[in-house]
Amino acid sequence: MNEFYSLKNENSAENKFQLTDLGNTFISAIIGKRSRTGWGESKNSSQTFFREPTEEDYNRHFANKIMDFNPTYEIEQLLEFHFKFYTKNNPSKKETFLKHIKYIVLPIIKGYKNSNVQTELVEEWLVNKMGGKESDNFNFKFGDINSPAQFQINSNNSVQKQNVEYSNENVKELFELIKKDLKKLNITEQEELKYEIRNAENKFDKGKDIHNRLLIIGDLIKDIGIGVFTSLVSSPLYEIMKPLLGI
């Protein structure tokens, strides 16, 4: 019941990024029981239960691998290793692996104590994989109202430079405009956008760079259909903020 992760093989060289194969059956529970003999002596016994591993078991197995991985700064390499394994077997399903990590594995990690560092590293890897634009180079600066921000786009050997004036308040207003139209979307689309907006807002409030987050939000908007977001499109802010969203 595993398709996402590379497993250790007895016939292959040792690789620290691979997961241990859980086999055909593994111990799911050990239940202990204490009883007394006819002589009044205490007697301990236990019963071991086995079952076949499921996809959920492997997802938790991978989450534990991330939590325990040492050195921590190589977690990105760990994710990349399994990403390449999956996409080699499924070339047209790169997005499936990314969504699997984002919506299945990451919530497991967040449920563990002291997982802030691991969570941050996984989120940054996802942002780079989902929001990175190989042909585009953006440099945005947020500041006080009416402060200029320059950005540059390199695509097809062309370079364009523009000055755009926006403020931190503009970015907050952008999020609110998008939220107004969420009720028009299906549940899955709503949850995806809410998740990305929430993460972008959290990073923005901490003064961190949210460029890649905004590009992911822009991609989701384009996939759904820009025309659905009437509150955003009808706002004068839309033309100013389009470059931030990659639209």
C-alpha atoms as a PDB file:
ATOM      1  CA  MET A   1       0.000   0.000   0.000  1.00  0.00           C
ATOM      2  CA  ASN A   2       2.784   2.440  -0.876  1.00  0.00           C
ATOM      3  CA  GLU A   3       3.353   4.393  -4.075  1.00  0.00           C
ATOM      4  CA  PHE A   4       4.806   7.676  -2.826  1.00  0.00           C
ATOM      5  CA  TYR A   5       7.976   6.624  -1.031  1.00  0.00           C
ATOM      6  CA  SER A   6      11.194   4.825  -1.914  1.00  0.00           C
ATOM      7  CA  LEU A   7      11.764   1.818   0.370  1.00  0.00           C
ATOM      8  CA  LYS A   8      14.987   0.155   1.435  1.00  0.00           C
ATOM      9  CA  ASN A   9      15.796  -3.014  -0.474  1.00  0.00           C
ATOM     10  CA  GLU A  10      18.036  -5.799   0.798  1.00  0.00           C
ATOM     11  CA  ASN A  11      19.723  -5.994  -2.602  1.00  0.00           C
ATOM     12  CA  SER A  12      20.460  -2.260  -2.910  1.00  0.00           C
ATOM     13  CA  ALA A  13      23.048  -0.045  -1.265  1.00  0.00           C
ATOM     14  CA  GLU A  14      22.144   1.661   2.003  1.00  0.00           C
ATOM     15  CA  ASN A  15      20.478   5.046   1.497  1.00  0.00           C
ATOM     16  CA  LYS A  16      19.650   7.269   4.448  1.00  0.00           C
ATOM     17  CA  PHE A  17      16.751   8.899   2.598  1.00  0.00           C
ATOM     18  CA  GLN A  18      14.802   5.687   2.029  1.00  0.00           C
ATOM     19  CA  LEU A  19      12.074   4.387   4.323  1.00  0.00           C
ATOM     20  CA  THR A  20      12.185   1.013   6.009  1.00  0.00           C
ATOM     21  CA  ASP A  21       9.841  -1.437   4.312  1.00  0.00           C
ATOM     22  CA  LEU A  22       7.026  -2.286   6.735  1.00  0.00           C
ATOM     23  CA  GLY A  23       6.672  -5.683   5.084  1.00  0.00           C
ATOM     24  CA  ASN A  24       3.533  -7.714   4.488  1.00  0.00           C
ATOM     25  CA  THR A  25       2.546  -7.608   8.162  1.00  0.00           C
ATOM     26  CA  PHE A  26       3.735  -5.610  11.140  1.00  0.00           C
ATOM     27  CA  ILE A  27       2.908  -5.289  14.813  1.00  0.00           C
ATOM     28  CA  SER A  28      -0.084  -3.007  15.258  1.00  0.00           C
ATOM     29  CA  ALA A  29      -0.541  -3.448  19.017  1.00  0.00           C
ATOM     30  CA  ILE A  30       0.744  -5.310  22.054  1.00  0.00           C
ATOM     31  CA  ILE A  31      -1.766  -5.675  24.864  1.00  0.00           C
ATOM     32  CA  GLY A  32      -0.485  -6.676  28.281  1.00  0.00           C
ATOM     33  CA  LYS A  33      -2.528  -8.346  30.996  1.00  0.00           C
ATOM     34  CA  ARG A  34      -1.760  -9.044  34.644  1.00  0.00           C
ATOM     35  CA  SER A  35      -3.358 -11.979  36.444  1.00  0.00           C
ATOM     36  CA  ARG A  36      -2.785 -14.097  39.537  1.00  0.00           C
ATOM     37  CA  THR A  37      -2.035 -17.781  39.779  1.00  0.00           C
ATOM     38  CA  GLY A  38      -3.814 -20.144  42.117  1.00  0.00           C
ATOM     39  CA  TRP A  39      -1.048 -19.490  44.627  1.00  0.00           C
ATOM     40  CA  GLY A  40      -1.729 -15.740  44.576  1.00  0.00           C
ATOM     41  CA  GLU A  41       1.379 -14.923  42.588  1.00  0.00           C
ATOM     42  CA  SER A  42       1.276 -12.117  40.014  1.00  0.00           C
ATOM     43  CA  LYS A  43       1.585 -13.223  36.409  1.00  0.00           C
ATOM     44  CA  ASN A  44       2.099 -10.998  33.363  1.00  0.00           C
ATOM     45  CA  SER A  45       1.117 -11.969  29.855  1.00  0.00           C
ATOM     46  CA  SER A  46       0.774 -10.139  26.567  1.00  0.00           C
ATOM     47  CA  GLN A  47      -0.900 -10.602  23.222  1.00  0.00           C
ATOM     48  CA  THR A  48       0.572  -9.260  19.989  1.00  0.00           C
ATOM     49  CA  PHE A  49      -1.650  -8.209  17.087  1.00  0.00           C
ATOM     50  CA  PHE A  50      -0.447  -8.090  13.482  1.00  0.00           C
ATOM     51  CA  ARG A  51      -1.986  -6.526  10.383  1.00  0.00           C
ATOM     52  CA  GLU A  52      -1.094  -5.469   6.866  1.00  0.00           C
ATOM     53  CA  PRO A  53       0.415  -1.957   6.565  1.00  0.00           C
ATOM     54  CA  THR A  54      -1.822   0.660   4.957  1.00  0.00           C
ATOM     55  CA  GLU A  55      -1.105   3.861   3.052  1.00  0.00           C
ATOM     56  CA  GLU A  56      -1.827   5.758   6.268  1.00  0.00           C
ATOM     57  CA  ASP A  57       0.890   3.750   8.040  1.00  0.00           C
ATOM     58  CA  TYR A  58       3.437   4.745   5.389  1.00  0.00           C
ATOM     59  CA  ASN A  59       2.360   8.396   5.578  1.00  0.00           C
ATOM     60  CA  ARG A  60       2.939   8.399   9.331  1.00  0.00           C
ATOM     61  CA  HIS A  61       6.170   6.469   8.777  1.00  0.00           C
ATOM     62  CA  PHE A  62       7.370   9.242   6.437  1.00  0.00           C
ATOM     63  CA  ALA A  63       6.256  11.993   8.844  1.00  0.00           C
ATOM     64  CA  ASN A  64       8.275  10.287  11.595  1.00  0.00           C
ATOM     65  CA  LYS A  65      11.243  10.061   9.233  1.00  0.00           C
ATOM     66  CA  ILE A  66      11.085  13.832   8.710  1.00  0.00           C
ATOM     67  CA  MET A  67      10.766  14.496  12.449  1.00  0.00           C
ATOM     68  CA  ASP A  68      13.753  12.287  13.323  1.00  0.00           C
ATOM     69  CA  PHE A  69      15.927  13.143  10.320  1.00  0.00           C
ATOM     70  CA  ASN A  70      19.434  14.316  11.133  1.00  0.00           C
ATOM     71  CA  PRO A  71      20.841  16.761  10.183  1.00  0.00           C
ATOM     72  CA  THR A  72      17.588  18.705  10.098  1.00  0.00           C
ATOM     73  CA  TYR A  73      18.797  21.045   7.354  1.00  0.00           C
ATOM     74  CA  GLU A  74      18.835  18.112   4.915  1.00  0.00           C
ATOM     75  CA  ILE A  75      15.068  17.586   5.173  1.00  0.00           C
ATOM     76  CA  GLU A  76      14.712  19.382   1.836  1.00  0.00           C
ATOM     77  CA  GLN A  77      16.990  16.748   0.263  1.00  0.00           C
ATOM     78  CA  LEU A  78      14.871  14.019   1.859  1.00  0.00           C
ATOM     79  CA  LEU A  79      11.700  15.455   0.312  1.00  0.00           C
ATOM     80  CA  GLU A  80      13.404  15.945  -3.039  1.00  0.00           C
ATOM     81  CA  PHE A  81      14.612  12.328  -3.040  1.00  0.00           C
ATOM     82  CA  HIS A  82      11.098  10.919  -2.653  1.00  0.00           C
ATOM     83  CA  PHE A  83       9.656  13.523  -5.036  1.00  0.00           C
ATOM     84  CA  LYS A  84      12.051  12.334  -7.753  1.00  0.00           C
ATOM     85  CA  PHE A  85      11.264   8.688  -6.958  1.00  0.00           C
ATOM     86  CA  TYR A  86       7.521   9.275  -7.352  1.00  0.00           C
ATOM     87  CA  THR A  87       7.713  11.479 -10.448  1.00  0.00           C
ATOM     88  CA  LYS A  88      10.083   9.050 -12.173  1.00  0.00           C
ATOM     89  CA  ASN A  89       7.309   6.462 -11.978  1.00  0.00           C
ATOM     90  CA  ASN A  90       4.538   9.031 -12.530  1.00  0.00           C
ATOM     91  CA  PRO A  91       5.943  11.785 -14.804  1.00  0.00           C
ATOM     92  CA  SER A  92       2.596  13.525 -15.309  1.00  0.00           C
ATOM     93  CA  LYS A  93       1.610  13.582 -11.630  1.00  0.00           C
ATOM     94  CA  LYS A  94       4.128  15.916  -9.993  1.00  0.00           C
ATOM     95  CA  GLU A  95       1.340  17.992  -8.481  1.00  0.00           C
ATOM     96  CA  THR A  96      -0.168  14.873  -6.896  1.00  0.00           C
ATOM     97  CA  PHE A  97       2.956  14.294  -4.798  1.00  0.00           C
ATOM     98  CA  LEU A  98       3.103  17.939  -3.708  1.00  0.00           C
ATOM     99  CA  LYS A  99      -0.554  17.925  -2.667  1.00  0.00           C
ATOM    100  CA  HIS A 100       0.002  14.634  -0.848  1.00  0.00           C
ATOM    101  CA  ILE A 101       2.790  16.169   1.238  1.00  0.00           C
ATOM    102  CA  LYS A 102       0.824  19.369   1.788  1.00  0.00           C
ATOM    103  CA  TYR A 103      -2.539  17.922   2.791  1.00  0.00           C
ATOM    104  CA  ILE A 104      -1.646  14.481   4.195  1.00  0.00           C
ATOM    105  CA  VAL A 105       1.909  14.422   5.573  1.00  0.00           C
ATOM    106  CA  LEU A 106       2.280  18.031   6.763  1.00  0.00           C
ATOM    107  CA  PRO A 107      -0.802  17.926   9.050  1.00  0.00           C
ATOM    108  CA  ILE A 108       0.651  14.806  10.722  1.00  0.00           C
ATOM    109  CA  ILE A 109       3.929  16.652  11.360  1.00  0.00           C
ATOM    110  CA  LYS A 110       2.079  19.686  12.742  1.00  0.00           C
ATOM    111  CA  GLY A 111       0.346  17.385  15.219  1.00  0.00           C
ATOM    112  CA  TYR A 112       3.667  16.503  16.863  1.00  0.00           C
ATOM    113  CA  LYS A 113       5.194  18.545  19.668  1.00  0.00           C
ATOM    114  CA  ASN A 114       8.281  20.648  18.893  1.00  0.00           C
ATOM    115  CA  SER A 115       7.725  20.353  15.140  1.00  0.00           C
ATOM    116  CA  ASN A 116       8.074  24.044  14.261  1.00  0.00           C
ATOM    117  CA  VAL A 117      11.424  23.664  12.500  1.00  0.00           C
ATOM    118  CA  GLN A 118      10.339  20.621  10.494  1.00  0.00           C
ATOM    119  CA  THR A 119       7.046  22.301   9.585  1.00  0.00           C
ATOM    120  CA  GLU A 120       8.840  25.422   8.381  1.00  0.00           C
ATOM    121  CA  LEU A 121      11.286  23.430   6.240  1.00  0.00           C
ATOM    122  CA  VAL A 122       8.539  21.337   4.624  1.00  0.00           C
ATOM    123  CA  GLU A 123       6.434  24.436   3.934  1.00  0.00           C
ATOM    124  CA  GLU A 124       9.380  26.254   2.371  1.00  0.00           C
ATOM    125  CA  TRP A 125      10.111  23.247   0.153  1.00  0.00           C
ATOM    126  CA  LEU A 126       6.471  23.151  -0.957  1.00  0.00           C
ATOM    127  CA  VAL A 127       6.481  26.876  -1.692  1.00  0.00           C
ATOM    128  CA  ASN A 128       9.590  26.528  -3.843  1.00  0.00           C
ATOM    129  CA  LYS A 129       8.186  23.531  -5.731  1.00  0.00           C
ATOM    130  CA  MET A 130       4.678  24.905  -6.223  1.00  0.00           C
ATOM    131  CA  GLY A 131       5.396  28.600  -6.606  1.00  0.00           C
ATOM    132  CA  GLY A 132       8.857  28.763  -8.158  1.00  0.00           C
ATOM    133  CA  LYS A 133       9.026  30.250 -11.639  1.00  0.00           C
ATOM    134  CA  GLU A 134      12.175  29.195 -13.449  1.00  0.00           C
ATOM    135  CA  SER A 135      11.819  31.817 -16.158  1.00  0.00           C
ATOM    136  CA  ASP A 136      10.715  34.652 -13.884  1.00  0.00           C
ATOM    137  CA  ASN A 137      12.730  36.737 -11.480  1.00  0.00           C
ATOM    138  CA  PHE A 138      10.693  38.971  -9.198  1.00  0.00           C
ATOM    139  CA  ASN A 139      11.902  41.297  -6.512  1.00  0.00           C
ATOM    140  CA  PHE A 140       9.154  42.954  -4.499  1.00  0.00           C
ATOM    141  CA  LYS A 141       9.573  45.311  -1.589  1.00  0.00           C
ATOM    142  CA  PHE A 142       6.791  46.143   0.837  1.00  0.00           C
ATOM    143  CA  GLY A 143       6.835  49.452   2.623  1.00  0.00           C
ATOM    144  CA  ASP A 144       4.853  52.497   3.581  1.00  0.00           C
ATOM    145  CA  ILE A 145       2.051  53.731   1.387  1.00  0.00           C
ATOM    146  CA  ASN A 146       3.179  55.189  -1.938  1.00  0.00           C
ATOM    147  CA  SER A 147       6.653  53.697  -1.584  1.00  0.00           C
ATOM    148  CA  PRO A 148       7.880  52.474  -4.987  1.00  0.00           C
ATOM    149  CA  ALA A 149       8.668  48.827  -5.650  1.00  0.00           C
ATOM    150  CA  GLN A 150      10.611  47.616  -8.659  1.00  0.00           C
ATOM    151  CA  PHE A 151      10.228  44.235 -10.241  1.00  0.00           C
ATOM    152  CA  GLN A 152      11.844  42.499 -13.160  1.00  0.00           C
ATOM    153  CA  ILE A 153      10.555  39.690 -15.353  1.00  0.00           C
ATOM    154  CA  ASN A 154      12.910  37.633 -17.500  1.00  0.00           C
ATOM    155  CA  SER A 155      11.052  35.501 -20.020  1.00  0.00           C
ATOM    156  CA  ASN A 156      11.915  34.408 -23.546  1.00  0.00           C
ATOM    157  CA  ASN A 157      15.098  36.497 -23.463  1.00  0.00           C
ATOM    158  CA  SER A 158      13.110  39.656 -22.736  1.00  0.00           C
ATOM    159  CA  VAL A 159      13.456  41.926 -19.739  1.00  0.00           C
ATOM    160  CA  GLN A 160      10.755  44.243 -18.488  1.00  0.00           C
ATOM    161  CA  LYS A 161      11.092  46.709 -15.652  1.00  0.00           C
ATOM    162  CA  GLN A 162       8.263  48.609 -14.061  1.00  0.00           C
ATOM    163  CA  ASN A 163       7.659  50.686 -10.984  1.00  0.00           C
ATOM    164  CA  VAL A 164       4.561  49.834  -9.001  1.00  0.00           C
ATOM    165  CA  GLU A 165       3.378  51.744  -5.970  1.00  0.00           C
ATOM    166  CA  TYR A 166       1.612  49.782  -3.249  1.00  0.00           C
ATOM    167  CA  SER A 167       1.628  49.520   0.520  1.00  0.00           C
ATOM    168  CA  ASN A 168       1.342  46.877   3.189  1.00  0.00           C
ATOM    169  CA  GLU A 169      -2.305  47.880   3.475  1.00  0.00           C
ATOM    170  CA  ASN A 170      -2.740  47.061  -0.217  1.00  0.00           C
ATOM    171  CA  VAL A 171      -1.567  43.507   0.419  1.00  0.00           C
ATOM    172  CA  LYS A 172      -4.008  43.095   3.309  1.00  0.00           C
ATOM    173  CA  GLU A 173      -6.817  44.482   1.150  1.00  0.00           C
ATOM    174  CA  LEU A 174      -5.858  42.007  -1.588  1.00  0.00           C
ATOM    175  CA  PHE A 175      -6.454  39.099   0.787  1.00  0.00           C
ATOM    176  CA  GLU A 176      -9.818  40.510   1.871  1.00  0.00           C
ATOM    177  CA  LEU A 177     -10.983  40.944  -1.733  1.00  0.00           C
ATOM    178  CA  ILE A 178     -10.130  37.323  -2.526  1.00  0.00           C
ATOM    179  CA  LYS A 179     -11.931  36.106   0.611  1.00  0.00           C
ATOM    180  CA  LYS A 180     -15.147  37.862  -0.446  1.00  0.00           C
ATOM    181  CA  ASP A 181     -15.563  35.483  -3.383  1.00  0.00           C
ATOM    182  CA  LEU A 182     -14.623  32.238  -1.618  1.00  0.00           C
ATOM    183  CA  LYS A 183     -18.287  31.329  -1.128  1.00  0.00           C
ATOM    184  CA  LYS A 184     -18.612  30.938  -4.915  1.00  0.00           C
ATOM    185  CA  LEU A 185     -16.075  28.096  -4.958  1.00  0.00           C
ATOM    186  CA  ASN A 186     -16.489  24.411  -4.209  1.00  0.00           C
ATOM    187  CA  ILE A 187     -15.287  23.080  -0.843  1.00  0.00           C
ATOM    188  CA  THR A 188     -11.931  21.838  -2.138  1.00  0.00           C
ATOM    189  CA  GLU A 189     -11.132  25.138  -3.877  1.00  0.00           C
ATOM    190  CA  GLN A 190     -12.183  27.086  -0.780  1.00  0.00           C
ATOM    191  CA  GLU A 191      -9.937  25.035   1.500  1.00  0.00           C
ATOM    192  CA  GLU A 192      -6.923  25.334  -0.821  1.00  0.00           C
ATOM    193  CA  LEU A 193      -7.218  29.117  -1.072  1.00  0.00           C
ATOM    194  CA  LYS A 194      -7.950  29.566   2.636  1.00  0.00           C
ATOM    195  CA  TYR A 195      -4.870  27.499   3.463  1.00  0.00           C
ATOM    196  CA  GLU A 196      -2.580  29.552   1.215  1.00  0.00           C
ATOM    197  CA  ILE A 197      -4.020  32.908   2.294  1.00  0.00           C
ATOM    198  CA  ARG A 198      -3.698  31.972   5.969  1.00  0.00           C
ATOM    199  CA  ASN A 199      -0.054  30.974   5.525  1.00  0.00           C
ATOM    200  CA  ALA A 200       0.696  34.122   3.522  1.00  0.00           C
ATOM    201  CA  GLU A 201      -0.934  36.309   6.185  1.00  0.00           C
ATOM    202  CA  ASN A 202       1.027  34.618   8.972  1.00  0.00           C
ATOM    203  CA  LYS A 203       4.332  35.108   7.162  1.00  0.00           C
ATOM    204  CA  PHE A 204       3.423  38.671   6.198  1.00  0.00           C
ATOM    205  CA  ASP A 205       2.591  39.569   9.814  1.00  0.00           C
ATOM    206  CA  LYS A 206       6.020  38.241  10.844  1.00  0.00           C
ATOM    207  CA  GLY A 207       7.727  40.402   8.217  1.00  0.00           C
ATOM    208  CA  LYS A 208       8.789  37.432   6.076  1.00  0.00           C
ATOM    209  CA  ASP A 209       8.952  37.294   2.280  1.00  0.00           C
ATOM    210  CA  ILE A 210       5.628  36.099   0.824  1.00  0.00           C
ATOM    211  CA  HIS A 211       6.476  36.403  -2.879  1.00  0.00           C
ATOM    212  CA  ASN A 212       6.216  32.657  -3.559  1.00  0.00           C
ATOM    213  CA  ARG A 213       3.044  32.384  -1.473  1.00  0.00           C
ATOM    214  CA  LEU A 214       1.386  35.062  -3.569  1.00  0.00           C
ATOM    215  CA  LEU A 215       2.388  33.301  -6.783  1.00  0.00           C
ATOM    216  CA  ILE A 216       0.762  30.101  -5.510  1.00  0.00           C
ATOM    217  CA  ILE A 217      -2.415  32.045  -4.699  1.00  0.00           C
ATOM    218  CA  GLY A 218      -2.294  33.566  -8.181  1.00  0.00           C
ATOM    219  CA  ASP A 219      -1.941  30.118  -9.760  1.00  0.00           C
ATOM    220  CA  LEU A 220      -4.974  28.868  -7.832  1.00  0.00           C
ATOM    221  CA  ILE A 221      -6.996  31.887  -8.954  1.00  0.00           C
ATOM    222  CA  LYS A 222      -6.022  31.275 -12.588  1.00  0.00           C
ATOM    223  CA  ASP A 223      -6.874  27.570 -12.317  1.00  0.00           C
ATOM    224  CA  ILE A 224     -10.306  28.353 -10.880  1.00  0.00           C
ATOM    225  CA  GLY A 225     -10.934  31.199 -13.317  1.00  0.00           C
ATOM    226  CA  ILE A 226     -10.164  34.874 -12.775  1.00  0.00           C
ATOM    227  CA  GLY A 227     -13.726  35.827 -13.736  1.00  0.00           C
ATOM    228  CA  VAL A 228     -15.062  34.164 -10.596  1.00  0.00           C
ATOM    229  CA  PHE A 229     -13.271  36.704  -8.405  1.00  0.00           C
ATOM    230  CA  THR A 230     -15.469  39.679  -9.235  1.00  0.00           C
ATOM    231  CA  SER A 231     -14.664  41.556  -6.019  1.00  0.00           C
ATOM    232  CA  LEU A 232     -10.969  41.431  -6.859  1.00  0.00           C
ATOM    233  CA  VAL A 233     -11.226  42.140 -10.589  1.00  0.00           C
ATOM    234  CA  SER A 234     -13.607  45.081 -10.116  1.00  0.00           C
ATOM    235  CA  SER A 235     -11.305  46.755  -7.602  1.00  0.00           C
ATOM    236  CA  PRO A 236      -8.846  49.465  -8.737  1.00  0.00           C
ATOM    237  CA  LEU A 237      -6.286  47.551  -6.682  1.00  0.00           C
ATOM    238  CA  TYR A 238      -6.393  44.611  -9.105  1.00  0.00           C
ATOM    239  CA  GLU A 239      -4.212  46.187 -11.814  1.00  0.00           C
ATOM    240  CA  ILE A 240      -1.647  47.266  -9.235  1.00  0.00           C
ATOM    241  CA  MET A 241      -1.415  43.875  -7.555  1.00  0.00           C
ATOM    242  CA  LYS A 242      -1.534  41.612 -10.631  1.00  0.00           C
ATOM    243  CA  PRO A 243       2.283  41.278 -10.828  1.00  0.00           C
ATOM    244  CA  LEU A 244       2.354  40.010  -7.244  1.00  0.00           C
ATOM    245  CA  LEU A 245       0.014  37.183  -8.224  1.00  0.00           C
ATOM    246  CA  GLY A 246       1.804  36.394 -11.466  1.00  0.00           C
ATOM    247  CA  ILE A 247      -1.344  37.192 -13.444  1.00  0.00           C
END
